C-alpha atoms as a PDB file:
ATOM      1  CA  MET A   1      89.739 132.434  96.667  1.00  0.00           C
ATOM      2  CA  THR A   2      91.594 135.727  96.486  1.00  0.00           C
ATOM      3  CA  ASP A   3      95.072 136.496  97.737  1.00  0.00           C
ATOM      4  CA  GLU A   4      93.525 138.538 100.525  1.00  0.00           C
ATOM      5  CA  ASP A   5      91.425 135.524 101.604  1.00  0.00           C
ATOM      6  CA  ARG A   6      94.496 133.300 101.558  1.00  0.00           C
ATOM      7  CA  LEU A   7      96.398 135.826 103.671  1.00  0.00           C
ATOM      8  CA  LEU A   8      93.522 136.036 106.174  1.00  0.00           C
ATOM      9  CA  LEU A   9      93.317 132.243 106.307  1.00  0.00           C
ATOM     10  CA  LYS A  10      97.064 131.991 106.874  1.00  0.00           C
ATOM     11  CA  ASP A  11      96.901 134.597 109.668  1.00  0.00           C
ATOM     12  CA  LEU A  12      93.983 132.741 111.241  1.00  0.00           C
ATOM     13  CA  LYS A  13      95.918 129.469 111.121  1.00  0.00           C
ATOM     14  CA  VAL A  14      98.960 131.096 112.758  1.00  0.00           C
ATOM     15  CA  ASN A  15      96.771 132.624 115.478  1.00  0.00           C
ATOM     16  CA  VAL A  16      95.037 129.292 116.166  1.00  0.00           C
ATOM     17  CA  GLN A  17      98.397 127.532 116.425  1.00  0.00           C
ATOM     18  CA  ARG A  18      99.694 130.223 118.790  1.00  0.00           C
ATOM     19  CA  LEU A  19      96.557 129.941 120.924  1.00  0.00           C
ATOM     20  CA  PHE A  20      96.904 126.167 121.046  1.00  0.00           C
ATOM     21  CA  GLN A  21     100.547 126.449 122.120  1.00  0.00           C
ATOM     22  CA  GLU A  22      99.589 128.953 124.815  1.00  0.00           C
ATOM     23  CA  TYR A  23      96.795 126.627 125.958  1.00  0.00           C
ATOM     24  CA  GLU A  24      99.256 123.708 126.249  1.00  0.00           C
ATOM     25  CA  ARG A  25     101.748 125.873 128.149  1.00  0.00           C
ATOM     26  CA  LEU A  26      99.054 127.033 130.582  1.00  0.00           C
ATOM     27  CA  LYS A  27      97.732 123.490 130.970  1.00  0.00           C
ATOM     28  CA  THR A  28     101.213 122.255 131.907  1.00  0.00           C
ATOM     29  CA  GLY A  29     101.685 125.155 134.318  1.00  0.00           C
ATOM     30  CA  ASN A  30      98.302 124.448 135.890  1.00  0.00           C
ATOM     31  CA  ARG A  31      99.178 120.770 136.325  1.00  0.00           C
ATOM     32  CA  LEU A  32     102.403 121.768 138.118  1.00  0.00           C
ATOM     33  CA  LEU A  33     100.491 124.131 140.395  1.00  0.00           C
ATOM     34  CA  VAL A  34      97.874 121.473 141.211  1.00  0.00           C
ATOM     35  CA  ASP A  35     100.673 119.055 142.101  1.00  0.00           C
ATOM     36  CA  LYS A  36     102.296 121.700 144.296  1.00  0.00           C
ATOM     37  CA  VAL A  37      98.995 122.429 146.079  1.00  0.00           C
ATOM     38  CA  THR A  38      98.508 118.697 146.694  1.00  0.00           C
ATOM     39  CA  ALA A  39     102.022 118.387 148.119  1.00  0.00           C
ATOM     40  CA  LEU A  40     101.497 121.421 150.358  1.00  0.00           C
ATOM     41  CA  ASN A  41      98.144 120.071 151.585  1.00  0.00           C
ATOM     42  CA  ASN A  42      99.841 116.768 152.425  1.00  0.00           C
ATOM     43  CA  GLU A  43     102.541 118.663 154.306  1.00  0.00           C
ATOM     44  CA  ILE A  44      99.870 120.604 156.230  1.00  0.00           C
ATOM     45  CA  VAL A  45      98.192 117.347 157.289  1.00  0.00           C
ATOM     46  CA  HIS A  46     101.551 115.909 158.335  1.00  0.00           C
ATOM     47  CA  LEU A  47     102.440 119.029 160.345  1.00  0.00           C
ATOM     48  CA  LYS A  48      99.018 119.100 162.039  1.00  0.00           C
ATOM     49  CA  ASN A  49      99.447 115.461 163.045  1.00  0.00           C
ATOM     50  CA  GLU A  50     102.935 116.171 164.317  1.00  0.00           C
ATOM     51  CA  LYS A  51     101.649 119.176 166.277  1.00  0.00           C
ATOM     52  CA  ASN A  52      98.906 117.065 167.856  1.00  0.00           C
ATOM     53  CA  ASP A  53     101.410 114.354 168.773  1.00  0.00           C
ATOM     54  CA  LEU A  54     103.752 116.917 170.325  1.00  0.00           C
ATOM     55  CA  SER A  55     100.874 118.518 172.234  1.00  0.00           C
ATOM     56  CA  ARG A  56      99.889 115.147 173.691  1.00  0.00           C
ATOM     57  CA  GLU A  57     103.497 114.417 174.562  1.00  0.00           C
ATOM     58  CA  ASN A  58     103.809 117.832 176.210  1.00  0.00           C
ATOM     59  CA  GLU A  59     100.679 117.214 178.292  1.00  0.00           C
ATOM     60  CA  ASN A  60     102.022 113.824 179.352  1.00  0.00           C
ATOM     61  CA  ILE A  61     105.344 115.360 180.358  1.00  0.00           C
ATOM     62  CA  LYS A  62     103.569 118.073 182.346  1.00  0.00           C
ATOM     63  CA  LEU A  63     101.494 115.427 184.101  1.00  0.00           C
ATOM     64  CA  ALA A  64     104.546 113.287 184.836  1.00  0.00           C
ATOM     65  CA  ASN A  65     106.471 116.280 186.198  1.00  0.00           C
ATOM     66  CA  HIS A  66     103.489 117.270 188.288  1.00  0.00           C
ATOM     67  CA  LEU A  67     103.153 113.768 189.730  1.00  0.00           C
ATOM     68  CA  LEU A  68     106.897 113.545 190.409  1.00  0.00           C
ATOM     69  CA  SER A  69     106.926 116.880 192.176  1.00  0.00           C
ATOM     70  CA  GLY A  70     104.304 115.651 194.645  1.00  0.00           C
ATOM     71  CA  LYS A  71     102.494 118.991 194.475  1.00  0.00           C
ATOM     72  CA  ASP A  72      98.873 118.402 193.585  1.00  0.00           C
ATOM     73  CA  GLY A  73      97.008 120.871 195.709  1.00  0.00           C
ATOM     74  CA  ASN A  74      93.954 121.225 193.484  1.00  0.00           C
ATOM     75  CA  GLY A  75      93.716 117.656 192.153  1.00  0.00           C
ATOM     76  CA  GLU A  76      94.816 118.469 188.584  1.00  0.00           C
ATOM     77  CA  ALA A  77      96.803 115.250 188.263  1.00  0.00           C
ATOM     78  CA  LYS A  78      93.833 113.196 189.401  1.00  0.00           C
ATOM     79  CA  LYS A  79      91.556 115.010 186.915  1.00  0.00           C
ATOM     80  CA  LYS A  80      94.019 114.383 184.100  1.00  0.00           C
ATOM     81  CA  ILE A  81      94.365 110.709 184.980  1.00  0.00           C
ATOM     82  CA  ASN A  82      90.579 110.344 185.105  1.00  0.00           C
ATOM     83  CA  SER A  83      90.339 112.047 181.721  1.00  0.00           C
ATOM     84  CA  LEU A  84      92.935 109.654 180.273  1.00  0.00           C
ATOM     85  CA  VAL A  85      91.104 106.652 181.745  1.00  0.00           C
ATOM     86  CA  ARG A  86      87.832 107.832 180.160  1.00  0.00           C
ATOM     87  CA  GLU A  87      89.598 108.265 176.831  1.00  0.00           C
ATOM     88  CA  ILE A  88      91.047 104.747 177.089  1.00  0.00           C
ATOM     89  CA  ASP A  89      87.593 103.393 177.970  1.00  0.00           C
ATOM     90  CA  LYS A  90      86.139 105.049 174.872  1.00  0.00           C
ATOM     91  CA  CYS A  91      88.865 103.490 172.722  1.00  0.00           C
ATOM     92  CA  ILE A  92      88.203 100.058 174.201  1.00  0.00           C
ATOM     93  CA  ALA A  93      84.467 100.494 173.587  1.00  0.00           C
ATOM     94  CA  LEU A  94      85.155 101.377 169.953  1.00  0.00           C
ATOM     95  CA  LEU A  95      87.392  98.340 169.562  1.00  0.00           C
ATOM     96  CA  ASN A  96      84.703  96.073 171.006  1.00  0.00           C
ATOM     97  CA  LYS A  97      82.114  97.209 168.440  1.00  0.00           C
END
């Protein structure tokens, strides 16, 4: 093996080590990003659930205010109550299965 071959082999070894270090650095960075994406997806689910809960609560408050006001000219309160009763019936049916 000539000196030139040894030098080439040494350069190759250094380059392989540098590539491996870069690979490990990128792998760690990728793992951190995957963890961050997972956390953000969990937060999205939580916020969607919270939004749905607040929407239901808002609808209930509107219905309660409407019933308390005594103004139900077009039967909206009755429609909403009927809708809620149907939803409750569906839940009971699911529980009975």
